[in-house]
Amino acid sequence: MKPSRANTDQEYAEAAASPVIVVTGPTATGKTHLAVMLARAFHGEVLSVDSRQVYRGLDLGTGKDLAEYSEGGPAVPYHLIDVADPNERFDLYRFLELARAAMVDMCQRGVTPVICGGTPLYLLALLNGYAMEGGAPDRNLRAELTGKSTEELLQILRAEASPELIARTDTTQDRRIIRAIEIARSIEDRTPPPPLTNTIVLAPQFTRAEVRERIAVRLDARLDAGLIDEVRDLHDQSGMSWERLDWLGLEYRFIARHLQGLLTFQEMHDSLLAHIRQFAKRQDGWFRKFEREGHHIHWIPQGNPEQAIALVRDFLAL
């Protein structure tokens, strides 16, 4: 028997109030290593909050570091890694659906969730109890509406949507009109999911110079490990278009351009390194904003494991 909505909501409310460890921070600072160590120390499992690690086959470029889950002791289970085909769309709605189900599962088994990752949208949506208006994308409805003229779509929207929804819809774009129709047909009277209220947030901390050097070392290691072959196989074996690879982020974008003959190896390497470093610099601003919004971060110098364990032990009152 499928559980009722009320039961499901109550289960998630219990999970959201349970102790949760969060490991986040800038790129190339060892988040996975710290999260796995804490999961092993405190009977936890890792819940990845990374918008690209959900895709199968995107291994080196996204830094899954799956071998780390088995180093130093029994393998640590993980969630939301390798759950989607690289050619399919994976959106915030699906992430929240799977992440909240994983949270309930861990809570009911007495396991401590260790959220790990640095995708701001996903992390904040989970922490703050974000609710997706209108539910999941309706593929059948979108297929039905695609091809209709803008005027036809507007007629449907005016007939089915509230004045408030129409007022905030960009009616100059067909895809926005279609989404508004989708929302109008799927609005549910539902209490938004609760935020996570019992969390400790930790982040490995290095100087900016150290992060720049770690990025360079990590990039060379991934290239030596076969990152170019990974991107080539995604195109040649998995049928991913160059456009899709470009969309998947820096590593895949620049290596795809190299494989198309648009960049030499050295041009690809230097451009990719510069862009990853720029990305890391932008992350600094996001984490400052994260703290201004009330999410205190315990910055762990050099990702010191003893300090992290002591903080979590106090948090769990062990």
Protein backbone atom coordinates (compact mmCIF):
# COMPACT_ATOMS: atom_id res chain seq x y z
CA MET A 1 0.00 0.00 0.00
CA LYS A 2 1.32 3.43 -0.91
CA PRO A 3 1.80 5.65 2.18
CA SER A 4 -0.57 8.58 2.51
CA ARG A 5 0.63 12.10 1.87
CA ALA A 6 0.09 12.88 5.57
CA ASN A 7 2.26 9.94 6.63
CA THR A 8 4.95 10.85 4.12
CA ASP A 9 5.00 14.47 5.28
CA GLN A 10 5.22 13.39 8.93
CA GLU A 11 8.12 11.05 8.16
CA TYR A 12 10.02 13.85 6.48
CA ALA A 13 9.26 16.28 9.31
CA GLU A 14 10.88 13.79 11.69
CA ALA A 15 13.90 13.43 9.41
CA ALA A 16 14.24 17.21 9.06
CA ALA A 17 14.37 17.58 12.85
CA SER A 18 17.00 14.86 13.30
CA PRO A 19 20.74 15.66 13.60
CA VAL A 20 22.34 16.30 10.21
CA ILE A 21 26.01 16.93 9.42
CA VAL A 22 26.73 19.20 6.43
CA VAL A 23 30.13 19.35 4.73
CA THR A 24 30.46 22.07 2.14
CA GLY A 25 33.06 24.56 0.97
CA PRO A 26 34.98 25.72 -2.09
CA THR A 27 36.11 23.39 -4.83
CA ALA A 28 39.31 21.33 -4.37
CA THR A 29 39.29 21.52 -0.56
CA GLY A 30 38.65 17.85 0.25
CA LYS A 31 34.93 17.86 1.05
CA THR A 32 34.42 14.21 0.11
CA HIS A 33 37.35 13.05 2.23
CA LEU A 34 36.08 14.91 5.29
CA ALA A 35 32.46 13.79 4.78
CA VAL A 36 33.43 10.11 4.45
CA MET A 37 35.59 10.33 7.56
CA LEU A 38 32.73 11.87 9.56
CA ALA A 39 30.22 9.36 8.22
CA ARG A 40 32.48 6.50 9.30
CA ALA A 41 33.06 8.05 12.74
CA PHE A 42 29.40 8.78 13.50
CA HIS A 43 27.44 5.93 11.89
CA GLY A 44 26.50 8.03 8.91
CA GLU A 45 25.93 7.85 5.18
CA VAL A 46 26.81 10.50 2.62
CA LEU A 47 24.10 12.39 0.74
CA SER A 48 25.70 14.10 -2.25
CA VAL A 49 24.50 17.62 -3.02
CA ASP A 50 26.19 17.98 -6.39
CA SER A 51 24.23 18.72 -9.55
CA ARG A 52 26.64 16.78 -11.78
CA GLN A 53 27.56 13.76 -9.65
CA VAL A 54 24.01 12.51 -10.17
CA TYR A 55 25.02 11.54 -13.74
CA ARG A 56 26.50 8.15 -14.54
CA GLY A 57 29.77 8.33 -16.45
CA LEU A 58 30.72 11.80 -15.26
CA ASP A 59 33.31 10.55 -12.82
CA LEU A 60 36.68 12.30 -13.07
CA GLY A 61 35.25 15.60 -14.24
CA THR A 62 32.86 15.87 -11.29
CA GLY A 63 35.26 14.55 -8.66
CA LYS A 64 33.15 11.65 -7.41
CA ASP A 65 36.25 10.10 -5.81
CA LEU A 66 34.31 6.90 -5.22
CA ALA A 67 37.43 5.05 -4.03
CA GLU A 68 37.45 7.29 -0.95
CA TYR A 69 34.21 5.74 0.29
CA SER A 70 36.04 2.43 0.80
CA GLU A 71 39.35 3.69 2.19
CA GLY A 72 40.24 3.41 5.86
CA GLY A 73 37.53 0.98 6.89
CA PRO A 74 34.16 -0.44 5.84
CA ALA A 75 32.64 1.15 2.75
CA VAL A 76 30.49 4.17 3.53
CA PRO A 77 27.14 4.11 1.66
CA TYR A 78 26.28 7.14 -0.46
CA HIS A 79 23.14 8.59 -2.01
CA LEU A 80 22.36 10.65 -5.15
CA ILE A 81 25.47 9.65 -7.04
CA ASP A 82 25.02 7.85 -10.39
CA VAL A 83 21.22 8.07 -10.34
CA ALA A 84 20.63 9.56 -13.80
CA ASP A 85 21.63 8.95 -17.40
CA PRO A 86 23.94 11.74 -18.65
CA ASN A 87 21.60 12.54 -21.53
CA GLU A 88 18.51 13.00 -19.38
CA ARG A 89 17.43 16.13 -17.61
CA PHE A 90 17.88 16.15 -13.84
CA ASP A 91 16.29 19.15 -12.17
CA LEU A 92 15.85 20.61 -8.71
CA TYR A 93 12.44 18.99 -8.27
CA ARG A 94 13.86 15.52 -8.82
CA PHE A 95 16.83 16.24 -6.58
CA LEU A 96 14.59 17.30 -3.69
CA GLU A 97 12.32 14.30 -4.20
CA LEU A 98 15.23 11.84 -4.05
CA ALA A 99 17.14 13.69 -1.34
CA ARG A 100 14.15 13.88 0.99
CA ALA A 101 13.37 10.21 0.43
CA ALA A 102 16.99 9.38 1.32
CA MET A 103 16.74 11.52 4.45
CA VAL A 104 13.63 9.63 5.59
CA ASP A 105 15.30 6.29 4.86
CA MET A 106 18.39 7.19 6.90
CA CYS A 107 16.33 8.58 9.77
CA GLN A 108 14.23 5.42 10.01
CA ARG A 109 17.36 3.26 10.08
CA GLY A 110 19.01 5.35 12.77
CA VAL A 111 21.73 6.61 10.39
CA THR A 112 23.21 10.12 10.56
CA PRO A 113 22.91 11.95 7.21
CA VAL A 114 26.16 13.60 6.12
CA ILE A 115 25.24 16.05 3.38
CA CYS A 116 28.24 16.74 1.19
CA GLY A 117 28.63 19.07 -1.77
CA GLY A 118 28.83 22.57 -3.07
CA THR A 119 25.93 23.14 -5.48
CA PRO A 120 24.38 26.21 -3.81
CA LEU A 121 20.88 25.86 -5.26
CA TYR A 122 20.54 22.23 -4.18
CA LEU A 123 22.07 22.74 -0.75
CA LEU A 124 19.98 25.79 0.15
CA ALA A 125 16.78 24.23 -1.18
CA LEU A 126 17.27 21.23 1.09
CA LEU A 127 18.38 23.23 4.13
CA ASN A 128 15.65 25.87 3.84
CA GLY A 129 12.72 23.59 3.01
CA TYR A 130 12.19 24.92 -0.48
CA ALA A 131 8.91 23.88 -2.13
CA MET A 132 8.65 23.50 -5.90
CA GLU A 133 5.53 25.26 -7.12
CA GLY A 134 3.37 23.20 -9.41
CA GLY A 135 5.07 19.88 -8.94
CA ALA A 136 7.30 17.97 -11.33
CA PRO A 137 7.52 18.72 -15.05
CA ASP A 138 4.69 17.00 -16.96
CA ARG A 139 6.32 15.52 -20.07
CA ASN A 140 3.01 14.54 -21.68
CA LEU A 141 1.50 17.98 -21.20
CA ARG A 142 4.61 19.65 -22.60
CA ALA A 143 4.49 17.41 -25.67
CA GLU A 144 0.81 18.30 -26.12
CA LEU A 145 1.46 22.05 -25.91
CA THR A 146 4.68 22.21 -27.90
CA GLY A 147 3.98 23.45 -31.41
CA LYS A 148 0.99 25.56 -30.48
CA SER A 149 1.20 29.23 -31.31
CA THR A 150 1.85 31.81 -28.62
CA GLU A 151 -1.73 33.04 -28.93
CA GLU A 152 -3.11 29.52 -28.50
CA LEU A 153 -0.98 29.03 -25.39
CA LEU A 154 -2.14 32.35 -23.98
CA GLN A 155 -5.78 31.38 -24.51
CA ILE A 156 -5.22 28.18 -22.51
CA LEU A 157 -3.36 30.09 -19.80
CA ARG A 158 -6.11 32.70 -19.45
CA ALA A 159 -8.73 29.98 -19.17
CA GLU A 160 -6.95 27.91 -16.53
CA ALA A 161 -4.61 30.10 -14.48
CA SER A 162 -5.29 32.53 -11.66
CA PRO A 163 -4.78 36.26 -12.31
CA GLU A 164 -1.80 36.17 -9.92
CA LEU A 165 -0.09 33.38 -11.86
CA ILE A 166 -0.75 35.10 -15.19
CA ALA A 167 0.63 38.39 -13.84
CA ARG A 168 3.98 36.87 -12.93
CA THR A 169 4.38 34.83 -16.12
CA ASP A 170 6.69 36.06 -18.88
CA THR A 171 4.22 35.79 -21.75
CA THR A 172 6.88 36.62 -24.33
CA GLN A 173 8.39 33.14 -24.02
CA ASP A 174 6.40 30.04 -24.98
CA ARG A 175 8.29 27.82 -22.54
CA ARG A 176 7.34 30.13 -19.67
CA ILE A 177 3.70 30.05 -20.72
CA ILE A 178 3.78 26.25 -20.92
CA ARG A 179 5.29 26.03 -17.43
CA ALA A 180 2.58 28.37 -16.10
CA ILE A 181 -0.12 26.14 -17.61
CA GLU A 182 1.62 23.16 -16.04
CA ILE A 183 1.58 24.87 -12.66
CA ALA A 184 -2.08 25.86 -13.03
CA ARG A 185 -3.03 22.24 -13.67
CA SER A 186 -1.00 20.76 -10.85
CA ILE A 187 -1.30 23.18 -7.93
CA GLU A 188 -1.71 21.23 -4.72
CA ASP A 189 -2.93 22.38 -1.32
CA ARG A 190 0.17 21.27 0.51
CA THR A 191 2.17 22.57 3.44
CA PRO A 192 5.73 23.32 2.34
CA PRO A 193 8.31 20.83 3.61
CA PRO A 194 10.12 21.93 6.77
CA PRO A 195 13.70 23.20 6.77
CA LEU A 196 16.47 21.19 8.37
CA THR A 197 16.52 22.52 11.93
CA ASN A 198 19.23 20.45 13.62
CA THR A 199 22.38 20.86 11.55
CA ILE A 200 26.07 21.52 11.92
CA VAL A 201 27.84 22.93 8.86
CA LEU A 202 31.57 22.37 8.40
CA ALA A 203 33.91 23.42 5.61
CA PRO A 204 37.60 22.69 5.04
CA GLN A 205 39.53 25.97 4.95
CA PHE A 206 42.66 26.82 2.99
CA THR A 207 44.21 30.13 1.98
CA ARG A 208 43.35 31.41 -1.48
CA ALA A 209 46.90 30.62 -2.62
CA GLU A 210 46.56 27.08 -1.31
CA VAL A 211 43.25 26.61 -3.10
CA ARG A 212 44.76 27.83 -6.36
CA GLU A 213 47.59 25.32 -6.03
CA ARG A 214 45.24 22.49 -5.04
CA ILE A 215 43.12 23.21 -8.13
CA ALA A 216 46.20 22.98 -10.36
CA VAL A 217 47.39 19.72 -8.79
CA ARG A 218 43.92 18.21 -8.96
CA LEU A 219 43.43 19.16 -12.62
CA ASP A 220 46.73 17.58 -13.64
CA ALA A 221 45.90 14.44 -11.65
CA ARG A 222 42.53 14.10 -13.34
CA LEU A 223 44.01 14.62 -16.79
CA ASP A 224 46.65 11.97 -16.02
CA ALA A 225 43.91 9.63 -14.81
CA GLY A 226 42.08 9.81 -18.15
CA LEU A 227 39.71 12.78 -18.04
CA ILE A 228 40.09 13.41 -21.76
CA ASP A 229 39.20 9.78 -22.48
CA GLU A 230 36.16 10.12 -20.21
CA VAL A 231 34.86 13.06 -22.25
CA ARG A 232 35.66 11.32 -25.54
CA ASP A 233 33.75 8.21 -24.45
CA LEU A 234 30.75 10.27 -23.38
CA HIS A 235 30.59 11.65 -26.91
CA ASP A 236 31.58 8.58 -28.92
CA GLN A 237 30.10 5.77 -26.80
CA SER A 238 27.21 7.43 -24.93
CA GLY A 239 26.13 9.65 -27.81
CA MET A 240 26.34 12.92 -25.93
CA SER A 241 26.35 15.94 -28.20
CA TRP A 242 29.06 18.57 -28.01
CA GLU A 243 26.33 21.01 -26.93
CA ARG A 244 25.32 18.77 -24.03
CA LEU A 245 28.95 18.40 -22.94
CA ASP A 246 29.34 22.17 -23.06
CA TRP A 247 26.29 22.50 -20.80
CA LEU A 248 27.72 20.08 -18.23
CA GLY A 249 30.33 22.51 -17.00
CA LEU A 250 33.90 23.63 -17.25
CA GLU A 251 35.82 20.36 -17.50
CA TYR A 252 33.49 18.92 -20.12
CA ARG A 253 33.16 22.22 -21.99
CA PHE A 254 36.86 22.88 -22.51
CA ILE A 255 37.87 19.28 -23.16
CA ALA A 256 35.02 18.97 -25.69
CA ARG A 257 36.40 22.01 -27.49
CA HIS A 258 39.86 20.41 -27.46
CA LEU A 259 38.46 17.18 -28.91
CA GLN A 260 36.75 19.17 -31.68
CA GLY A 261 40.10 20.73 -32.59
CA LEU A 262 39.09 24.18 -31.38
CA LEU A 263 41.78 24.30 -28.68
CA THR A 264 45.23 22.78 -28.41
CA PHE A 265 45.95 20.71 -25.30
CA GLN A 266 47.87 23.56 -23.72
CA GLU A 267 45.16 26.10 -24.56
CA MET A 268 42.55 23.78 -23.09
CA HIS A 269 44.61 23.16 -19.96
CA ASP A 270 45.39 26.82 -19.29
CA SER A 271 41.85 28.05 -20.01
CA LEU A 272 40.30 25.35 -17.87
CA LEU A 273 42.67 26.04 -14.98
CA ALA A 274 41.94 29.78 -15.14
CA HIS A 275 38.18 29.27 -15.22
CA ILE A 276 38.16 26.80 -12.30
CA ARG A 277 40.18 29.28 -10.26
CA GLN A 278 37.72 32.04 -11.16
CA PHE A 279 34.88 29.76 -10.10
CA ALA A 280 36.55 29.15 -6.74
CA LYS A 281 36.88 32.89 -6.22
CA ARG A 282 33.16 33.37 -6.93
CA GLN A 283 32.38 30.66 -4.40
CA ASP A 284 33.93 32.81 -1.67
CA GLY A 285 31.18 35.36 -2.23
CA TRP A 286 28.48 32.70 -2.10
CA PHE A 287 29.70 31.34 1.24
CA ARG A 288 29.76 34.84 2.71
CA LYS A 289 26.14 35.24 1.57
CA PHE A 290 25.34 31.80 2.99
CA GLU A 291 26.56 32.91 6.41
CA ARG A 292 24.77 36.27 6.20
CA GLU A 293 21.52 34.35 5.69
CA GLY A 294 21.99 32.67 9.07
CA HIS A 295 23.83 29.44 8.25
CA HIS A 296 26.89 29.41 10.49
CA ILE A 297 29.88 27.61 9.01
CA HIS A 298 32.58 26.01 11.15
CA TRP A 299 35.67 26.59 9.04
CA ILE A 300 38.15 23.77 9.59
CA PRO A 301 41.77 24.85 8.91
CA GLN A 302 43.37 22.41 6.47
CA GLY A 303 40.30 20.19 6.91
CA ASN A 304 41.76 19.03 10.24
CA PRO A 305 39.98 15.74 11.08
CA GLU A 306 40.48 15.93 14.85
CA GLN A 307 38.89 19.38 15.02
CA ALA A 308 35.97 18.29 12.82
CA ILE A 309 35.34 15.18 14.92
CA ALA A 310 35.43 17.20 18.15
CA LEU A 311 32.89 19.69 16.80
CA VAL A 312 30.52 16.97 15.63
CA ARG A 313 30.88 15.05 18.89
CA ASP A 314 29.83 18.17 20.81
CA PHE A 315 26.96 18.76 18.35
CA LEU A 316 25.67 15.22 18.84
CA ALA A 317 26.34 15.47 22.60
CA LEU A 318 28.25 12.21 22.59
